[in-house]
Protein backbone atom coordinates (compact mmCIF):
# COMPACT_ATOMS: atom_id res chain seq x y z
CA MET A 1 -27.61 -42.81 4.20
CA GLN A 2 -29.60 -42.58 6.78
CA LEU A 3 -31.61 -45.15 8.24
CA PRO A 4 -35.54 -44.88 8.33
CA ILE A 5 -35.60 -46.06 12.12
CA PHE A 6 -38.17 -43.65 13.25
CA PRO A 7 -40.07 -43.70 17.12
CA SER A 8 -42.53 -46.41 17.95
CA GLN A 9 -45.91 -45.59 17.03
CA SER A 10 -45.28 -43.37 14.58
CA THR A 11 -46.75 -43.04 10.89
CA PRO A 12 -44.69 -43.05 8.09
CA ILE A 13 -45.25 -40.01 5.79
CA THR A 14 -42.33 -41.00 3.40
CA SER A 15 -39.55 -43.33 3.86
CA GLU A 16 -37.88 -40.76 5.40
CA LEU A 17 -40.68 -39.05 7.35
CA ALA A 18 -42.92 -39.56 9.78
CA PHE A 19 -45.21 -38.23 12.08
CA GLN A 20 -47.06 -38.86 15.81
CA GLU A 21 -49.32 -37.84 18.32
CA ARG A 22 -48.41 -37.31 22.13
CA ASP A 23 -50.56 -35.55 24.29
CA GLY A 24 -52.48 -33.26 21.80
CA LEU A 25 -49.29 -32.44 20.05
CA VAL A 26 -48.51 -33.84 16.27
CA TRP A 27 -44.27 -34.41 15.91
CA TYR A 28 -42.82 -34.58 12.67
CA PHE A 29 -39.72 -36.84 12.73
CA ASN A 30 -36.94 -37.28 9.83
CA GLY A 31 -35.87 -40.00 11.14
CA HIS A 32 -35.98 -39.98 14.90
CA PHE A 33 -35.07 -37.17 15.02
CA PRO A 34 -38.13 -35.02 15.70
CA VAL A 35 -38.27 -31.54 13.40
CA PHE A 36 -41.51 -29.58 13.91
CA SER A 37 -44.48 -29.80 15.98
CA HIS A 38 -48.16 -28.00 16.26
CA ARG A 39 -50.95 -28.89 18.36
CA ARG A 40 -53.38 -31.39 16.69
CA ASP A 41 -56.21 -29.04 16.61
CA ASP A 42 -54.02 -26.17 14.86
CA MET A 43 -54.85 -26.46 10.95
CA ALA A 44 -52.71 -23.63 10.27
CA SER A 45 -50.11 -24.64 11.39
CA PHE A 46 -50.54 -28.35 9.79
CA ARG A 47 -50.51 -26.89 6.25
CA PHE A 48 -47.98 -24.49 6.30
CA TYR A 49 -45.50 -27.17 7.55
CA THR A 50 -46.90 -30.16 4.96
CA SER A 51 -47.14 -27.36 2.38
CA GLN A 52 -43.30 -26.79 3.09
CA LEU A 53 -42.57 -30.21 2.90
CA VAL A 54 -44.22 -30.67 -0.26
CA ALA A 55 -42.48 -26.85 -1.59
CA GLY A 56 -38.66 -28.41 -0.60
CA GLY A 57 -39.42 -31.90 -2.14
CA SER A 58 -38.83 -33.78 0.87
CA ALA A 59 -42.93 -34.96 0.30
CA SER A 60 -45.20 -35.22 -2.41
CA GLN A 61 -48.95 -34.01 -2.47
CA GLY A 62 -49.93 -37.69 -2.87
CA ASP A 63 -47.48 -38.71 0.40
CA ILE A 64 -49.48 -36.24 2.59
CA ALA A 65 -53.35 -36.97 1.58
CA ARG A 66 -52.72 -40.55 2.17
CA ALA A 67 -50.34 -40.09 5.63
CA PHE A 68 -53.15 -37.63 7.28
CA GLY A 69 -55.85 -38.86 5.36
CA VAL A 70 -56.99 -35.80 4.02
CA THR A 71 -58.32 -34.88 0.66
CA LEU A 72 -55.84 -34.19 -2.32
CA VAL A 73 -57.71 -30.81 -3.21
CA SER A 74 -57.17 -29.70 0.14
CA VAL A 75 -53.38 -30.11 0.05
CA LYS A 76 -53.03 -28.44 -3.50
CA ARG A 77 -54.84 -25.53 -2.21
CA ALA A 78 -52.55 -25.27 1.12
CA CYS A 79 -49.40 -25.74 -1.41
CA LYS A 80 -50.85 -22.61 -3.85
CA LYS A 81 -51.25 -20.68 -0.67
CA LEU A 82 -48.30 -21.48 0.21
CA ARG A 83 -46.70 -20.36 -3.21
CA ASP A 84 -48.71 -17.33 -3.79
CA GLU A 85 -49.06 -15.85 0.00
CA GLY A 86 -45.72 -17.33 1.82
CA ALA A 87 -46.45 -17.76 5.57
CA HIS A 88 -48.72 -14.83 6.09
CA GLY A 89 -51.31 -16.72 3.80
CA PHE A 90 -51.79 -19.27 6.66
CA PHE A 91 -51.02 -16.96 9.94
CA GLY A 92 -52.17 -13.26 9.20
CA ALA A 93 -55.61 -11.82 9.76
CA ALA A 94 -58.36 -13.10 7.17
CA ARG A 95 -58.71 -10.79 4.58
CA ARG A 96 -62.63 -8.49 5.03
CA ARG A 97 -64.20 -9.10 1.30
CA GLU A 98 -66.22 -6.08 0.59
CA GLY A 99 -69.87 -7.15 -0.36
CA LYS A 100 -70.93 -7.50 -3.87
CA LYS A 101 -74.51 -5.56 -3.02
CA LEU A 102 -73.84 -3.27 -0.29
CA THR A 103 -71.16 -1.20 -1.67
CA ALA A 104 -70.16 2.61 -0.09
CA ALA A 105 -72.58 4.24 -2.59
CA VAL A 106 -75.55 1.68 -2.08
CA LEU A 107 -74.73 2.09 1.85
CA ALA A 108 -75.19 5.94 1.66
CA ARG A 109 -78.41 5.48 0.19
CA ALA A 110 -79.82 3.18 2.30
CA GLN A 111 -78.93 4.83 5.02
CA GLY A 112 -80.27 8.33 3.67
CA LEU A 113 -83.50 6.13 3.36
CA LEU A 114 -83.65 5.12 6.67
CA ASP A 115 -83.04 8.99 7.83
CA ALA A 116 -86.15 9.45 6.46
CA GLY A 117 -87.88 7.18 7.98
CA ALA A 118 -88.08 4.42 5.29
CA GLU A 119 -88.88 0.43 7.56
CA VAL A 120 -85.91 -1.78 6.23
CA PRO A 121 -88.45 -4.09 3.59
CA GLU A 122 -89.27 -0.40 1.87
CA ALA A 123 -85.72 0.95 1.56
CA ALA A 124 -84.72 -3.17 0.70
CA GLY A 125 -86.96 -2.82 -2.37
CA GLN A 126 -85.92 0.47 -3.93
CA LEU A 127 -82.51 -0.77 -3.26
CA GLY A 128 -82.49 -4.48 -4.46
CA VAL A 129 -81.19 -5.72 -1.93
CA LEU A 130 -83.25 -8.17 0.38
CA ALA A 131 -83.94 -7.04 3.86
CA ASN A 132 -82.04 -9.43 5.58
CA THR A 133 -79.25 -7.90 3.85
CA LEU A 134 -79.84 -4.22 5.30
CA HIS A 135 -80.81 -5.99 9.12
CA LYS A 136 -77.11 -7.72 8.94
CA ALA A 137 -75.62 -4.29 8.29
CA ILE A 138 -77.39 -2.77 11.02
CA ARG A 139 -76.45 -5.58 13.26
CA ASP A 140 -73.03 -4.92 12.10
CA GLY A 141 -73.28 -1.21 12.64
CA ARG A 142 -73.01 -0.47 8.85
CA LEU A 143 -76.40 1.32 9.07
CA LYS A 144 -78.27 3.34 11.50
CA LYS A 145 -81.76 2.70 12.13
CA LYS A 146 -83.97 5.78 12.72
CA ASP A 147 -85.38 5.43 16.06
CA PRO A 148 -88.83 5.63 16.18
CA LEU A 149 -89.12 7.20 19.99
CA ALA A 150 -86.63 10.44 18.81
CA GLY A 151 -88.34 12.89 17.77
């Protein structure tokens, strides 16, 4: 049986797990033994490791929420991400979503209208999208606005 002895100034998560912040790092302890650490502002590592504690049966979702003062729903989301996507879900590149309004077909039509000399609000009206949506696509480089000085 392991005695539940933790370093001084640590906060218990369960009777066997605790954490402590030192010099901008959050350290996790199993008894007095440090088992993991991450930067205080590294939320991906926090969510990943605490989800692993839950998945491994070392702590409950409620234990994590109470110990760290986070919402239970945020712990549940992180646990679901670990189940569905694994570690890559926390540390992989964010997926870029395709817009609902500016699909490839709408972008092609918009570029045709702009090439024909239509102003952004006019093109937006014909396409059924907001002018702001087209302006954003122009800023992002997905659309090119015709240069009024070019012949």
